[in-house]
C-alpha atoms as a PDB file:
ATOM      1  CA  UNK A   1       1.330  -1.196  -0.662  1.00  0.00           C
ATOM      2  CA  UNK A   2       0.476   2.268   0.641  1.00  0.00           C
ATOM      3  CA  UNK A   3       2.193   1.474   3.947  1.00  0.00           C
ATOM      4  CA  UNK A   4       5.500   0.504   2.307  1.00  0.00           C
ATOM      5  CA  UNK A   5       8.623   1.828   4.011  1.00  0.00           C
ATOM      6  CA  UNK A   6      12.031   2.765   2.702  1.00  0.00           C
ATOM      7  CA  UNK A   7      15.362   1.660   4.154  1.00  0.00           C
ATOM      8  CA  UNK A   8      15.301   4.633   6.531  1.00  0.00           C
ATOM      9  CA  UNK A   9      11.978   3.503   8.035  1.00  0.00           C
ATOM     10  CA  UNK A  10      10.072   6.354   6.393  1.00  0.00           C
ATOM     11  CA  UNK A  11       7.242   6.194   3.826  1.00  0.00           C
ATOM     12  CA  UNK A  12       8.540   4.881   0.504  1.00  0.00           C
ATOM     13  CA  UNK A  13       9.021   7.654  -2.050  1.00  0.00           C
ATOM     14  CA  UNK A  14       8.306   7.515  -5.784  1.00  0.00           C
ATOM     15  CA  UNK A  15      11.182   6.223  -7.904  1.00  0.00           C
ATOM     16  CA  UNK A  16       9.804   7.253 -11.315  1.00  0.00           C
ATOM     17  CA  UNK A  17       6.948   6.523 -13.668  1.00  0.00           C
ATOM     18  CA  UNK A  18       6.195   2.989 -14.914  1.00  0.00           C
ATOM     19  CA  UNK A  19       8.861   1.212 -12.882  1.00  0.00           C
ATOM     20  CA  UNK A  20       8.936  -1.404 -10.199  1.00  0.00           C
ATOM     21  CA  UNK A  21       7.403  -4.831 -10.108  1.00  0.00           C
ATOM     22  CA  UNK A  22       3.894  -3.324 -10.047  1.00  0.00           C
ATOM     23  CA  UNK A  23       4.729  -0.626 -12.659  1.00  0.00           C
ATOM     24  CA  UNK A  24       3.315   2.038 -10.325  1.00  0.00           C
ATOM     25  CA  UNK A  25       6.547   4.025 -10.052  1.00  0.00           C
ATOM     26  CA  UNK A  26       7.342   2.782  -6.547  1.00  0.00           C
ATOM     27  CA  UNK A  27       9.773   0.005  -5.700  1.00  0.00           C
ATOM     28  CA  UNK A  28       7.047  -2.052  -4.046  1.00  0.00           C
ATOM     29  CA  UNK A  29       7.924  -5.646  -3.243  1.00  0.00           C
ATOM     30  CA  UNK A  30       4.731  -7.712  -3.071  1.00  0.00           C
ATOM     31  CA  UNK A  31       5.017 -11.360  -2.053  1.00  0.00           C
ATOM     32  CA  UNK A  32       4.811 -12.352  -5.741  1.00  0.00           C
ATOM     33  CA  UNK A  33       8.042 -10.421  -6.498  1.00  0.00           C
ATOM     34  CA  UNK A  34      10.642 -13.144  -6.039  1.00  0.00           C
ATOM     35  CA  UNK A  35      13.262 -10.852  -7.612  1.00  0.00           C
ATOM     36  CA  UNK A  36      13.006  -8.250  -4.822  1.00  0.00           C
ATOM     37  CA  UNK A  37      12.817  -5.215  -7.157  1.00  0.00           C
ATOM     38  CA  UNK A  38      13.511  -2.860  -4.258  1.00  0.00           C
ATOM     39  CA  UNK A  39      16.435  -0.650  -5.289  1.00  0.00           C
ATOM     40  CA  UNK A  40      15.625   2.674  -6.982  1.00  0.00           C
ATOM     41  CA  UNK A  41      18.727   3.132  -9.112  1.00  0.00           C
ATOM     42  CA  UNK A  42      19.867   5.770 -11.571  1.00  0.00           C
ATOM     43  CA  UNK A  43      21.099   3.962 -14.643  1.00  0.00           C
ATOM     44  CA  UNK A  44      24.638   4.370 -15.940  1.00  0.00           C
ATOM     45  CA  UNK A  45      26.160   3.087 -19.161  1.00  0.00           C
ATOM     46  CA  UNK A  46      28.557   0.924 -17.124  1.00  0.00           C
ATOM     47  CA  UNK A  47      25.733  -0.722 -15.201  1.00  0.00           C
ATOM     48  CA  UNK A  48      23.579  -1.234 -18.305  1.00  0.00           C
ATOM     49  CA  UNK A  49      26.495  -2.914 -20.093  1.00  0.00           C
ATOM     50  CA  UNK A  50      27.156  -5.081 -17.028  1.00  0.00           C
ATOM     51  CA  UNK A  51      23.498  -6.111 -16.763  1.00  0.00           C
ATOM     52  CA  UNK A  52      23.381  -7.012 -20.451  1.00  0.00           C
ATOM     53  CA  UNK A  53      26.541  -9.115 -20.063  1.00  0.00           C
ATOM     54  CA  UNK A  54      24.802 -10.956 -17.211  1.00  0.00           C
ATOM     55  CA  UNK A  55      21.877 -11.814 -19.504  1.00  0.00           C
ATOM     56  CA  UNK A  56      19.463  -9.021 -18.563  1.00  0.00           C
ATOM     57  CA  UNK A  57      19.305  -6.499 -21.402  1.00  0.00           C
ATOM     58  CA  UNK A  58      17.677  -3.385 -19.970  1.00  0.00           C
ATOM     59  CA  UNK A  59      18.405  -1.196 -22.991  1.00  0.00           C
ATOM     60  CA  UNK A  60      16.261  -2.890 -25.632  1.00  0.00           C
ATOM     61  CA  UNK A  61      12.561  -1.983 -25.676  1.00  0.00           C
ATOM     62  CA  UNK A  62      10.108  -4.869 -25.223  1.00  0.00           C
ATOM     63  CA  UNK A  63       6.547  -4.087 -26.317  1.00  0.00           C
ATOM     64  CA  UNK A  64       5.220  -7.317 -24.780  1.00  0.00           C
ATOM     65  CA  UNK A  65       5.945  -5.909 -21.315  1.00  0.00           C
ATOM     66  CA  UNK A  66       5.438  -2.252 -22.269  1.00  0.00           C
ATOM     67  CA  UNK A  67       9.127  -1.786 -21.470  1.00  0.00           C
ATOM     68  CA  UNK A  68      10.655   1.269 -23.164  1.00  0.00           C
ATOM     69  CA  UNK A  69      14.309   0.286 -22.748  1.00  0.00           C
ATOM     70  CA  UNK A  70      16.570   2.224 -20.421  1.00  0.00           C
ATOM     71  CA  UNK A  71      19.415   4.672 -20.940  1.00  0.00           C
ATOM     72  CA  UNK A  72      21.886   6.372 -18.635  1.00  0.00           C
ATOM     73  CA  UNK A  73      20.093   8.786 -16.314  1.00  0.00           C
ATOM     74  CA  UNK A  74      16.827   6.818 -16.180  1.00  0.00           C
ATOM     75  CA  UNK A  75      15.588   5.629 -12.783  1.00  0.00           C
ATOM     76  CA  UNK A  76      14.459   2.025 -12.399  1.00  0.00           C
ATOM     77  CA  UNK A  77      13.613  -0.417  -9.599  1.00  0.00           C
ATOM     78  CA  UNK A  78      16.369  -3.005  -9.730  1.00  0.00           C
ATOM     79  CA  UNK A  79      16.517  -6.424  -8.143  1.00  0.00           C
ATOM     80  CA  UNK A  80      18.485  -6.128  -4.914  1.00  0.00           C
ATOM     81  CA  UNK A  81      20.582  -9.152  -5.843  1.00  0.00           C
ATOM     82  CA  UNK A  82      21.615  -7.733  -9.223  1.00  0.00           C
ATOM     83  CA  UNK A  83      22.451  -4.353  -7.681  1.00  0.00           C
ATOM     84  CA  UNK A  84      24.625  -6.102  -5.060  1.00  0.00           C
ATOM     85  CA  UNK A  85      26.375  -8.133  -7.782  1.00  0.00           C
ATOM     86  CA  UNK A  86      27.083  -4.887  -9.635  1.00  0.00           C
ATOM     87  CA  UNK A  87      28.392  -3.281  -6.455  1.00  0.00           C
ATOM     88  CA  UNK A  88      30.824  -6.150  -5.981  1.00  0.00           C
ATOM     89  CA  UNK A  89      31.863  -5.788  -9.636  1.00  0.00           C
ATOM     90  CA  UNK A  90      32.478  -2.058  -9.186  1.00  0.00           C
ATOM     91  CA  UNK A  91      29.661  -0.867 -11.476  1.00  0.00           C
ATOM     92  CA  UNK A  92      26.725  -0.287  -9.100  1.00  0.00           C
ATOM     93  CA  UNK A  93      24.659   2.750 -10.030  1.00  0.00           C
ATOM     94  CA  UNK A  94      23.784   5.527  -7.601  1.00  0.00           C
ATOM     95  CA  UNK A  95      20.472   5.161  -5.792  1.00  0.00           C
ATOM     96  CA  UNK A  96      17.633   7.299  -4.455  1.00  0.00           C
ATOM     97  CA  UNK A  97      17.691   6.159  -0.831  1.00  0.00           C
ATOM     98  CA  UNK A  98      14.219   7.472   0.055  1.00  0.00           C
ATOM     99  CA  UNK A  99      12.793   5.363  -2.800  1.00  0.00           C
ATOM    100  CA  UNK A 100      14.647   2.128  -1.894  1.00  0.00           C
ATOM    101  CA  UNK A 101      12.223  -0.329  -0.319  1.00  0.00           C
ATOM    102  CA  UNK A 102      13.146  -1.740   3.091  1.00  0.00           C
ATOM    103  CA  UNK A 103      13.088  -5.197   1.450  1.00  0.00           C
ATOM    104  CA  UNK A 104      16.527  -4.347   0.029  1.00  0.00           C
ATOM    105  CA  UNK A 105      17.923  -4.735   3.542  1.00  0.00           C
ATOM    106  CA  UNK A 106      17.334  -8.489   3.258  1.00  0.00           C
ATOM    107  CA  UNK A 107      20.399  -8.569   0.988  1.00  0.00           C
ATOM    108  CA  UNK A 108      22.209  -5.241   1.214  1.00  0.00           C
ATOM    109  CA  UNK A 109      23.453  -3.600   4.439  1.00  0.00           C
ATOM    110  CA  UNK A 110      22.244  -0.038   4.982  1.00  0.00           C
ATOM    111  CA  UNK A 111      25.792   1.304   5.246  1.00  0.00           C
ATOM    112  CA  UNK A 112      26.524  -0.016   1.742  1.00  0.00           C
ATOM    113  CA  UNK A 113      23.368   1.564   0.330  1.00  0.00           C
ATOM    114  CA  UNK A 114      24.222   4.915   1.920  1.00  0.00           C
ATOM    115  CA  UNK A 115      27.543   5.006   0.037  1.00  0.00           C
ATOM    116  CA  UNK A 116      25.605   5.146  -3.240  1.00  0.00           C
ATOM    117  CA  UNK A 117      22.888   7.618  -2.240  1.00  0.00           C
ATOM    118  CA  UNK A 118      22.447  10.781  -4.285  1.00  0.00           C
END
């Protein structure tokens, strides 16, 4: 995935440690990632509560997947679909545009992503 590109057509930047579908810190989207974990987002309490209400608890640690649980301020590679749902619900977290994989553009227009860039 070394040739992965971000939504700006540049080399994909690191999101943070132990995140993404491959747990390499980059929001890589291999063909096996049907969830399109392409959006490098900065967690907020509002988003974490929204995600939990949708059935995806991101705050509770899960040792089986070596998942530490997230808190506000943490960066994480989110599914593009869930981020877009949150945007429509008014609780989308800010994103690190240089670390958002170009695969996000399959679902989210670039102009929408730019509104949430830090």
